[in-house]
């Protein structure tokens, strides 16, 4: 086109364009999306005479041993680890983050079945004083809704489960804690046995609880819903544009999603 790379760079900078970057998104198809967002976000601030736990499982945590010693960082050279490794087994971690204090109740398990989740609820019950109502925020894993869990909840009426919307587990604060665990414990860890991994996990949780701090939730439910509405409008516009482009080749049926000001949804098929 006769434009120099420098000119292209100036144009990109002037309009804030970074063509080399991409981001992924997923709009939840949950029919109760609005209600669940309002429910979960409201309970991230504990109500009076109640305690709120953000609960999830981190499954298949691998005990990885590098095939060569880790070379430490030196001036001008980052830490280096061998690409290949030996795996010494896996373990699952159940974690319950107290959204008010930041403290975590953890339990290691070889599996994450419904009975294992029920046993973890027992552990939360044992470690929580018997006065307050206990609100548990969890995702839509089938193990969380199994008959064994339902029977346990009937026998423990002070426990109430709140489910995040489909494909929206990021709204659960324990996911942020898992990110800290991954970055500060696993990313540079070398574990020569499964027992060594278990010991490292237990020590890390203990150290975290000794200096626990809650995560600050910055977004309101309305702000999250507004953001979803903007994405729906962008997607609808892109689909509408695609529909017109494809109409000459037989047509393309698309769903247009409209988010009204009161948070309700409507769909129209073109």
C-alpha atoms as a PDB file:
ATOM      1  CA  UNK A   1       0.000   0.000   0.000  1.00  0.00           C
ATOM      2  CA  UNK A   2       3.054   2.245   0.026  1.00  0.00           C
ATOM      3  CA  UNK A   3       2.853   2.911   3.779  1.00  0.00           C
ATOM      4  CA  UNK A   4       5.978   2.486   5.866  1.00  0.00           C
ATOM      5  CA  UNK A   5       6.010   0.298   9.023  1.00  0.00           C
ATOM      6  CA  UNK A   6       6.677   3.454  11.038  1.00  0.00           C
ATOM      7  CA  UNK A   7       3.487   5.071   9.715  1.00  0.00           C
ATOM      8  CA  UNK A   8       1.497   1.950  10.547  1.00  0.00           C
ATOM      9  CA  UNK A   9       2.905   2.016  14.086  1.00  0.00           C
ATOM     10  CA  UNK A  10       1.947   5.682  14.505  1.00  0.00           C
ATOM     11  CA  UNK A  11      -1.600   4.931  13.356  1.00  0.00           C
ATOM     12  CA  UNK A  12      -1.881   2.015  15.767  1.00  0.00           C
ATOM     13  CA  UNK A  13      -0.681   4.165  18.646  1.00  0.00           C
ATOM     14  CA  UNK A  14      -2.990   7.048  17.742  1.00  0.00           C
ATOM     15  CA  UNK A  15      -6.065   4.798  17.857  1.00  0.00           C
ATOM     16  CA  UNK A  16      -4.914   2.539  20.692  1.00  0.00           C
ATOM     17  CA  UNK A  17      -4.781  -0.553  18.444  1.00  0.00           C
ATOM     18  CA  UNK A  18      -2.783  -3.686  19.326  1.00  0.00           C
ATOM     19  CA  UNK A  19      -3.527  -6.181  16.529  1.00  0.00           C
ATOM     20  CA  UNK A  20      -1.241  -8.849  17.983  1.00  0.00           C
ATOM     21  CA  UNK A  21      -3.443  -9.214  21.077  1.00  0.00           C
ATOM     22  CA  UNK A  22      -6.583 -11.346  21.344  1.00  0.00           C
ATOM     23  CA  UNK A  23      -8.933 -12.107  24.222  1.00  0.00           C
ATOM     24  CA  UNK A  24     -11.463 -14.899  24.735  1.00  0.00           C
ATOM     25  CA  UNK A  25     -14.960 -14.565  26.150  1.00  0.00           C
ATOM     26  CA  UNK A  26     -17.874 -16.862  26.886  1.00  0.00           C
ATOM     27  CA  UNK A  27     -21.435 -15.623  27.427  1.00  0.00           C
ATOM     28  CA  UNK A  28     -23.289 -17.902  29.814  1.00  0.00           C
ATOM     29  CA  UNK A  29     -26.442 -19.554  28.387  1.00  0.00           C
ATOM     30  CA  UNK A  30     -27.804 -20.075  31.917  1.00  0.00           C
ATOM     31  CA  UNK A  31     -31.522 -19.088  31.910  1.00  0.00           C
ATOM     32  CA  UNK A  32     -31.122 -17.940  35.541  1.00  0.00           C
ATOM     33  CA  UNK A  33     -27.985 -15.927  34.788  1.00  0.00           C
ATOM     34  CA  UNK A  34     -29.248 -12.601  36.177  1.00  0.00           C
ATOM     35  CA  UNK A  35     -30.713 -14.124  39.340  1.00  0.00           C
ATOM     36  CA  UNK A  36     -27.579 -16.161  40.078  1.00  0.00           C
ATOM     37  CA  UNK A  37     -25.241 -13.210  39.561  1.00  0.00           C
ATOM     38  CA  UNK A  38     -27.264 -11.062  41.963  1.00  0.00           C
ATOM     39  CA  UNK A  39     -27.446 -13.921  44.469  1.00  0.00           C
ATOM     40  CA  UNK A  40     -23.743 -14.818  44.447  1.00  0.00           C
ATOM     41  CA  UNK A  41     -22.398 -11.257  44.397  1.00  0.00           C
ATOM     42  CA  UNK A  42     -24.725 -10.261  47.252  1.00  0.00           C
ATOM     43  CA  UNK A  43     -23.378 -13.068  49.437  1.00  0.00           C
ATOM     44  CA  UNK A  44     -19.734 -12.138  48.844  1.00  0.00           C
ATOM     45  CA  UNK A  45     -20.444  -9.580  51.603  1.00  0.00           C
ATOM     46  CA  UNK A  46     -21.528 -11.769  54.539  1.00  0.00           C
ATOM     47  CA  UNK A  47     -24.986 -11.013  55.982  1.00  0.00           C
ATOM     48  CA  UNK A  48     -25.506 -10.628  59.722  1.00  0.00           C
ATOM     49  CA  UNK A  49     -25.205 -13.806  61.830  1.00  0.00           C
ATOM     50  CA  UNK A  50     -23.902 -15.794  58.862  1.00  0.00           C
ATOM     51  CA  UNK A  51     -20.639 -16.991  57.369  1.00  0.00           C
ATOM     52  CA  UNK A  52     -19.977 -17.296  53.642  1.00  0.00           C
ATOM     53  CA  UNK A  53     -17.587 -19.808  52.087  1.00  0.00           C
ATOM     54  CA  UNK A  54     -16.493 -19.801  48.445  1.00  0.00           C
ATOM     55  CA  UNK A  55     -15.919 -23.500  47.724  1.00  0.00           C
ATOM     56  CA  UNK A  56     -14.402 -25.414  44.837  1.00  0.00           C
ATOM     57  CA  UNK A  57     -12.075 -28.292  43.977  1.00  0.00           C
ATOM     58  CA  UNK A  58      -8.698 -28.080  42.320  1.00  0.00           C
ATOM     59  CA  UNK A  59      -8.417 -31.481  40.717  1.00  0.00           C
ATOM     60  CA  UNK A  60      -5.496 -33.461  39.328  1.00  0.00           C
ATOM     61  CA  UNK A  61      -2.714 -31.505  41.051  1.00  0.00           C
ATOM     62  CA  UNK A  62       0.438 -33.187  39.777  1.00  0.00           C
ATOM     63  CA  UNK A  63       3.521 -34.038  41.813  1.00  0.00           C
ATOM     64  CA  UNK A  64       6.115 -33.095  39.173  1.00  0.00           C
ATOM     65  CA  UNK A  65       9.845 -33.667  39.492  1.00  0.00           C
ATOM     66  CA  UNK A  66      12.071 -32.046  36.875  1.00  0.00           C
ATOM     67  CA  UNK A  67      14.557 -34.365  35.186  1.00  0.00           C
ATOM     68  CA  UNK A  68      17.389 -31.907  35.898  1.00  0.00           C
ATOM     69  CA  UNK A  69      18.072 -29.557  38.815  1.00  0.00           C
ATOM     70  CA  UNK A  70      16.537 -26.086  38.554  1.00  0.00           C
ATOM     71  CA  UNK A  71      19.176 -23.532  37.570  1.00  0.00           C
ATOM     72  CA  UNK A  72      18.816 -20.410  39.747  1.00  0.00           C
ATOM     73  CA  UNK A  73      18.441 -16.889  38.437  1.00  0.00           C
ATOM     74  CA  UNK A  74      21.698 -15.026  37.783  1.00  0.00           C
ATOM     75  CA  UNK A  75      22.246 -11.467  36.482  1.00  0.00           C
ATOM     76  CA  UNK A  76      20.912 -11.310  32.926  1.00  0.00           C
ATOM     77  CA  UNK A  77      19.517 -14.880  32.976  1.00  0.00           C
ATOM     78  CA  UNK A  78      16.142 -16.030  34.366  1.00  0.00           C
ATOM     79  CA  UNK A  79      15.605 -19.170  36.384  1.00  0.00           C
ATOM     80  CA  UNK A  80      15.716 -22.231  34.128  1.00  0.00           C
ATOM     81  CA  UNK A  81      13.890 -25.537  34.467  1.00  0.00           C
ATOM     82  CA  UNK A  82      14.026 -28.612  32.272  1.00  0.00           C
ATOM     83  CA  UNK A  83      11.062 -28.965  29.940  1.00  0.00           C
ATOM     84  CA  UNK A  84      10.518 -32.666  30.718  1.00  0.00           C
ATOM     85  CA  UNK A  85       9.550 -34.090  34.073  1.00  0.00           C
ATOM     86  CA  UNK A  86       8.592 -37.240  35.993  1.00  0.00           C
ATOM     87  CA  UNK A  87       5.076 -37.370  37.429  1.00  0.00           C
ATOM     88  CA  UNK A  88       4.687 -39.048  40.820  1.00  0.00           C
ATOM     89  CA  UNK A  89       0.891 -39.032  41.018  1.00  0.00           C
ATOM     90  CA  UNK A  90      -1.964 -36.569  41.474  1.00  0.00           C
ATOM     91  CA  UNK A  91      -4.101 -35.286  44.317  1.00  0.00           C
ATOM     92  CA  UNK A  92      -7.343 -33.272  44.533  1.00  0.00           C
ATOM     93  CA  UNK A  93      -7.752 -30.290  46.834  1.00  0.00           C
ATOM     94  CA  UNK A  94     -11.086 -29.139  48.273  1.00  0.00           C
ATOM     95  CA  UNK A  95     -10.910 -25.533  49.459  1.00  0.00           C
ATOM     96  CA  UNK A  96     -13.385 -23.270  51.270  1.00  0.00           C
ATOM     97  CA  UNK A  97     -12.449 -19.581  51.390  1.00  0.00           C
ATOM     98  CA  UNK A  98     -14.084 -17.529  54.140  1.00  0.00           C
ATOM     99  CA  UNK A  99     -14.983 -14.375  52.199  1.00  0.00           C
ATOM    100  CA  UNK A 100     -14.926 -12.218  55.356  1.00  0.00           C
ATOM    101  CA  UNK A 101     -11.579 -13.274  56.832  1.00  0.00           C
ATOM    102  CA  UNK A 102      -9.725 -14.784  53.861  1.00  0.00           C
ATOM    103  CA  UNK A 103      -8.931 -17.947  55.826  1.00  0.00           C
ATOM    104  CA  UNK A 104      -9.130 -21.261  53.977  1.00  0.00           C
ATOM    105  CA  UNK A 105     -10.327 -24.699  55.043  1.00  0.00           C
ATOM    106  CA  UNK A 106      -8.589 -27.321  52.912  1.00  0.00           C
ATOM    107  CA  UNK A 107      -8.971 -31.060  52.531  1.00  0.00           C
ATOM    108  CA  UNK A 108      -6.920 -33.374  50.323  1.00  0.00           C
ATOM    109  CA  UNK A 109      -8.610 -36.275  48.575  1.00  0.00           C
ATOM    110  CA  UNK A 110      -7.697 -38.863  45.986  1.00  0.00           C
ATOM    111  CA  UNK A 111     -10.983 -38.159  44.134  1.00  0.00           C
ATOM    112  CA  UNK A 112     -13.682 -35.493  43.935  1.00  0.00           C
ATOM    113  CA  UNK A 113     -16.898 -37.513  43.952  1.00  0.00           C
ATOM    114  CA  UNK A 114     -20.181 -36.483  45.559  1.00  0.00           C
ATOM    115  CA  UNK A 115     -19.320 -38.381  48.746  1.00  0.00           C
ATOM    116  CA  UNK A 116     -15.974 -36.560  48.901  1.00  0.00           C
ATOM    117  CA  UNK A 117     -17.750 -33.217  48.598  1.00  0.00           C
ATOM    118  CA  UNK A 118     -20.191 -34.308  51.306  1.00  0.00           C
ATOM    119  CA  UNK A 119     -17.266 -35.213  53.567  1.00  0.00           C
ATOM    120  CA  UNK A 120     -15.756 -31.799  52.909  1.00  0.00           C
ATOM    121  CA  UNK A 121     -19.024 -30.156  53.965  1.00  0.00           C
ATOM    122  CA  UNK A 122     -18.688 -32.166  57.175  1.00  0.00           C
ATOM    123  CA  UNK A 123     -15.202 -30.698  57.616  1.00  0.00           C
ATOM    124  CA  UNK A 124     -16.541 -27.154  57.135  1.00  0.00           C
ATOM    125  CA  UNK A 125     -19.278 -27.906  59.670  1.00  0.00           C
ATOM    126  CA  UNK A 126     -16.720 -29.125  62.237  1.00  0.00           C
ATOM    127  CA  UNK A 127     -14.514 -26.060  61.825  1.00  0.00           C
ATOM    128  CA  UNK A 128     -17.367 -23.510  61.947  1.00  0.00           C
ATOM    129  CA  UNK A 129     -19.033 -22.482  65.197  1.00  0.00           C
ATOM    130  CA  UNK A 130     -22.550 -23.822  65.485  1.00  0.00           C
ATOM    131  CA  UNK A 131     -24.439 -20.524  65.677  1.00  0.00           C
ATOM    132  CA  UNK A 132     -24.363 -18.791  62.285  1.00  0.00           C
ATOM    133  CA  UNK A 133     -26.032 -19.809  59.038  1.00  0.00           C
ATOM    134  CA  UNK A 134     -23.462 -21.106  56.539  1.00  0.00           C
ATOM    135  CA  UNK A 135     -23.752 -19.987  52.905  1.00  0.00           C
ATOM    136  CA  UNK A 136     -21.688 -22.052  50.440  1.00  0.00           C
ATOM    137  CA  UNK A 137     -20.959 -20.678  46.961  1.00  0.00           C
ATOM    138  CA  UNK A 138     -20.033 -23.401  44.468  1.00  0.00           C
ATOM    139  CA  UNK A 139     -20.219 -24.174  40.755  1.00  0.00           C
ATOM    140  CA  UNK A 140     -22.601 -26.460  38.864  1.00  0.00           C
ATOM    141  CA  UNK A 141     -20.542 -29.668  39.054  1.00  0.00           C
ATOM    142  CA  UNK A 142     -22.884 -32.633  39.178  1.00  0.00           C
ATOM    143  CA  UNK A 143     -21.187 -33.848  42.375  1.00  0.00           C
ATOM    144  CA  UNK A 144     -22.497 -30.721  44.138  1.00  0.00           C
ATOM    145  CA  UNK A 145     -26.108 -31.636  43.315  1.00  0.00           C
ATOM    146  CA  UNK A 146     -25.989 -35.398  43.872  1.00  0.00           C
ATOM    147  CA  UNK A 147     -28.518 -37.182  46.145  1.00  0.00           C
ATOM    148  CA  UNK A 148     -25.850 -37.776  48.812  1.00  0.00           C
ATOM    149  CA  UNK A 149     -25.250 -34.028  49.078  1.00  0.00           C
ATOM    150  CA  UNK A 150     -28.985 -33.262  49.042  1.00  0.00           C
ATOM    151  CA  UNK A 151     -29.571 -35.691  51.927  1.00  0.00           C
ATOM    152  CA  UNK A 152     -26.707 -34.115  53.872  1.00  0.00           C
ATOM    153  CA  UNK A 153     -28.168 -30.628  53.395  1.00  0.00           C
ATOM    154  CA  UNK A 154     -31.560 -31.817  54.681  1.00  0.00           C
ATOM    155  CA  UNK A 155     -29.816 -33.074  57.825  1.00  0.00           C
ATOM    156  CA  UNK A 156     -27.893 -29.774  58.213  1.00  0.00           C
ATOM    157  CA  UNK A 157     -30.487 -27.025  57.585  1.00  0.00           C
ATOM    158  CA  UNK A 158     -28.109 -24.190  58.507  1.00  0.00           C
ATOM    159  CA  UNK A 159     -26.149 -24.863  55.304  1.00  0.00           C
ATOM    160  CA  UNK A 160     -27.389 -23.165  52.123  1.00  0.00           C
ATOM    161  CA  UNK A 161     -25.827 -23.718  48.694  1.00  0.00           C
ATOM    162  CA  UNK A 162     -25.618 -20.933  46.091  1.00  0.00           C
ATOM    163  CA  UNK A 163     -24.614 -21.882  42.543  1.00  0.00           C
ATOM    164  CA  UNK A 164     -22.658 -19.721  40.129  1.00  0.00           C
ATOM    165  CA  UNK A 165     -24.104 -19.337  36.610  1.00  0.00           C
ATOM    166  CA  UNK A 166     -23.031 -21.848  33.953  1.00  0.00           C
ATOM    167  CA  UNK A 167     -19.552 -21.046  32.570  1.00  0.00           C
ATOM    168  CA  UNK A 168     -19.128 -18.360  35.249  1.00  0.00           C
ATOM    169  CA  UNK A 169     -17.050 -20.018  37.939  1.00  0.00           C
ATOM    170  CA  UNK A 170     -14.772 -16.925  37.857  1.00  0.00           C
ATOM    171  CA  UNK A 171     -17.387 -15.198  40.005  1.00  0.00           C
ATOM    172  CA  UNK A 172     -16.431 -17.537  42.863  1.00  0.00           C
ATOM    173  CA  UNK A 173     -13.694 -15.889  44.951  1.00  0.00           C
ATOM    174  CA  UNK A 174     -11.941 -19.170  45.718  1.00  0.00           C
ATOM    175  CA  UNK A 175     -10.826 -19.209  42.063  1.00  0.00           C
ATOM    176  CA  UNK A 176      -8.715 -16.135  42.847  1.00  0.00           C
ATOM    177  CA  UNK A 177      -7.164 -18.020  45.761  1.00  0.00           C
ATOM    178  CA  UNK A 178      -6.394 -20.956  43.458  1.00  0.00           C
ATOM    179  CA  UNK A 179      -4.549 -18.510  41.189  1.00  0.00           C
ATOM    180  CA  UNK A 180      -2.350 -17.473  44.145  1.00  0.00           C
ATOM    181  CA  UNK A 181      -1.768 -21.135  44.993  1.00  0.00           C
ATOM    182  CA  UNK A 182      -0.730 -21.882  41.414  1.00  0.00           C
ATOM    183  CA  UNK A 183       1.604 -18.880  41.161  1.00  0.00           C
ATOM    184  CA  UNK A 184       3.241 -19.085  44.567  1.00  0.00           C
ATOM    185  CA  UNK A 185       3.308 -22.832  45.260  1.00  0.00           C
ATOM    186  CA  UNK A 186       3.060 -24.919  42.092  1.00  0.00           C
ATOM    187  CA  UNK A 187       4.629 -22.799  39.356  1.00  0.00           C
ATOM    188  CA  UNK A 188       8.190 -23.196  40.635  1.00  0.00           C
ATOM    189  CA  UNK A 189       7.635 -26.237  42.832  1.00  0.00           C
ATOM    190  CA  UNK A 190       9.530 -29.509  42.447  1.00  0.00           C
ATOM    191  CA  UNK A 191       7.900 -32.475  44.191  1.00  0.00           C
ATOM    192  CA  UNK A 192       9.719 -35.812  44.268  1.00  0.00           C
ATOM    193  CA  UNK A 193       6.770 -37.731  45.720  1.00  0.00           C
ATOM    194  CA  UNK A 194       3.052 -37.426  46.358  1.00  0.00           C
ATOM    195  CA  UNK A 195       3.704 -37.123  50.095  1.00  0.00           C
ATOM    196  CA  UNK A 196       6.032 -34.192  49.429  1.00  0.00           C
ATOM    197  CA  UNK A 197       3.283 -32.480  47.414  1.00  0.00           C
ATOM    198  CA  UNK A 198       0.752 -33.062  50.190  1.00  0.00           C
ATOM    199  CA  UNK A 199       3.128 -31.629  52.770  1.00  0.00           C
ATOM    200  CA  UNK A 200       3.788 -28.568  50.610  1.00  0.00           C
ATOM    201  CA  UNK A 201       0.043 -27.954  50.178  1.00  0.00           C
ATOM    202  CA  UNK A 202      -0.680 -28.281  53.890  1.00  0.00           C
ATOM    203  CA  UNK A 203       2.227 -25.975  54.798  1.00  0.00           C
ATOM    204  CA  UNK A 204       1.156 -23.389  52.206  1.00  0.00           C
ATOM    205  CA  UNK A 205      -2.432 -23.324  53.468  1.00  0.00           C
ATOM    206  CA  UNK A 206      -1.194 -22.974  57.059  1.00  0.00           C
ATOM    207  CA  UNK A 207       1.106 -20.090  56.108  1.00  0.00           C
ATOM    208  CA  UNK A 208      -1.726 -18.432  54.176  1.00  0.00           C
ATOM    209  CA  UNK A 209      -4.078 -18.670  57.167  1.00  0.00           C
ATOM    210  CA  UNK A 210      -1.423 -17.200  59.484  1.00  0.00           C
ATOM    211  CA  UNK A 211      -1.461 -14.066  57.311  1.00  0.00           C
ATOM    212  CA  UNK A 212      -4.969 -14.347  55.850  1.00  0.00           C
ATOM    213  CA  UNK A 213      -6.640 -11.404  54.183  1.00  0.00           C
ATOM    214  CA  UNK A 214      -9.948 -11.247  52.316  1.00  0.00           C
ATOM    215  CA  UNK A 215     -10.142 -10.441  48.625  1.00  0.00           C
ATOM    216  CA  UNK A 216     -11.895  -7.185  47.827  1.00  0.00           C
ATOM    217  CA  UNK A 217     -14.748  -7.636  45.338  1.00  0.00           C
ATOM    218  CA  UNK A 218     -14.814  -4.441  43.281  1.00  0.00           C
ATOM    219  CA  UNK A 219     -17.790  -5.031  40.938  1.00  0.00           C
ATOM    220  CA  UNK A 220     -21.472  -4.858  41.774  1.00  0.00           C
ATOM    221  CA  UNK A 221     -23.997  -7.230  40.229  1.00  0.00           C
ATOM    222  CA  UNK A 222     -25.364  -4.400  38.079  1.00  0.00           C
ATOM    223  CA  UNK A 223     -21.892  -3.588  36.709  1.00  0.00           C
ATOM    224  CA  UNK A 224     -21.323  -7.232  35.776  1.00  0.00           C
ATOM    225  CA  UNK A 225     -24.738  -7.467  34.098  1.00  0.00           C
ATOM    226  CA  UNK A 226     -24.126  -4.222  32.181  1.00  0.00           C
ATOM    227  CA  UNK A 227     -20.826  -5.617  30.902  1.00  0.00           C
ATOM    228  CA  UNK A 228     -22.566  -8.784  29.729  1.00  0.00           C
ATOM    229  CA  UNK A 229     -25.205  -6.662  27.968  1.00  0.00           C
ATOM    230  CA  UNK A 230     -22.494  -4.758  26.079  1.00  0.00           C
ATOM    231  CA  UNK A 231     -20.919  -8.027  24.930  1.00  0.00           C
ATOM    232  CA  UNK A 232     -24.321  -9.337  23.831  1.00  0.00           C
ATOM    233  CA  UNK A 233     -24.853  -6.206  21.755  1.00  0.00           C
ATOM    234  CA  UNK A 234     -21.407  -6.591  20.152  1.00  0.00           C
ATOM    235  CA  UNK A 235     -22.077 -10.259  19.393  1.00  0.00           C
ATOM    236  CA  UNK A 236     -25.519  -9.439  18.006  1.00  0.00           C
ATOM    237  CA  UNK A 237     -24.014  -6.773  15.758  1.00  0.00           C
ATOM    238  CA  UNK A 238     -21.350  -9.176  14.494  1.00  0.00           C
ATOM    239  CA  UNK A 239     -23.957 -11.891  13.825  1.00  0.00           C
ATOM    240  CA  UNK A 240     -26.205  -9.405  12.045  1.00  0.00           C
ATOM    241  CA  UNK A 241     -23.321  -8.330   9.861  1.00  0.00           C
ATOM    242  CA  UNK A 242     -22.558 -11.979   9.095  1.00  0.00           C
ATOM    243  CA  UNK A 243     -26.210 -12.582   8.247  1.00  0.00           C
ATOM    244  CA  UNK A 244     -26.188  -9.866   5.611  1.00  0.00           C
ATOM    245  CA  UNK A 245     -22.918 -11.109   4.142  1.00  0.00           C
ATOM    246  CA  UNK A 246     -24.201 -14.676   3.912  1.00  0.00           C
ATOM    247  CA  UNK A 247     -27.728 -13.854   2.688  1.00  0.00           C
ATOM    248  CA  UNK A 248     -26.634 -14.041  -0.947  1.00  0.00           C
ATOM    249  CA  UNK A 249     -25.387 -17.593  -0.340  1.00  0.00           C
ATOM    250  CA  UNK A 250     -28.566 -19.141   0.990  1.00  0.00           C
ATOM    251  CA  UNK A 251     -29.111 -17.166   4.181  1.00  0.00           C
ATOM    252  CA  UNK A 252     -28.004 -17.675   7.761  1.00  0.00           C
ATOM    253  CA  UNK A 253     -30.389 -17.811  10.742  1.00  0.00           C
ATOM    254  CA  UNK A 254     -29.045 -16.023  13.813  1.00  0.00           C
ATOM    255  CA  UNK A 255     -30.346 -15.283  17.295  1.00  0.00           C
ATOM    256  CA  UNK A 256     -30.300 -11.619  18.307  1.00  0.00           C
ATOM    257  CA  UNK A 257     -30.099 -11.178  22.089  1.00  0.00           C
ATOM    258  CA  UNK A 258     -31.525  -8.031  23.647  1.00  0.00           C
ATOM    259  CA  UNK A 259     -30.793  -7.088  27.259  1.00  0.00           C
ATOM    260  CA  UNK A 260     -33.307  -4.609  28.626  1.00  0.00           C
ATOM    261  CA  UNK A 261     -32.611  -1.980  31.275  1.00  0.00           C
ATOM    262  CA  UNK A 262     -34.303  -4.037  34.020  1.00  0.00           C
ATOM    263  CA  UNK A 263     -31.928  -6.958  33.405  1.00  0.00           C
ATOM    264  CA  UNK A 264     -34.430  -9.133  31.529  1.00  0.00           C
ATOM    265  CA  UNK A 265     -33.591 -10.876  28.250  1.00  0.00           C
ATOM    266  CA  UNK A 266     -35.293 -11.434  24.933  1.00  0.00           C
ATOM    267  CA  UNK A 267     -34.317 -13.322  21.806  1.00  0.00           C
ATOM    268  CA  UNK A 268     -35.309 -12.786  18.192  1.00  0.00           C
ATOM    269  CA  UNK A 269     -34.408 -15.093  15.309  1.00  0.00           C
ATOM    270  CA  UNK A 270     -33.495 -13.597  11.944  1.00  0.00           C
END
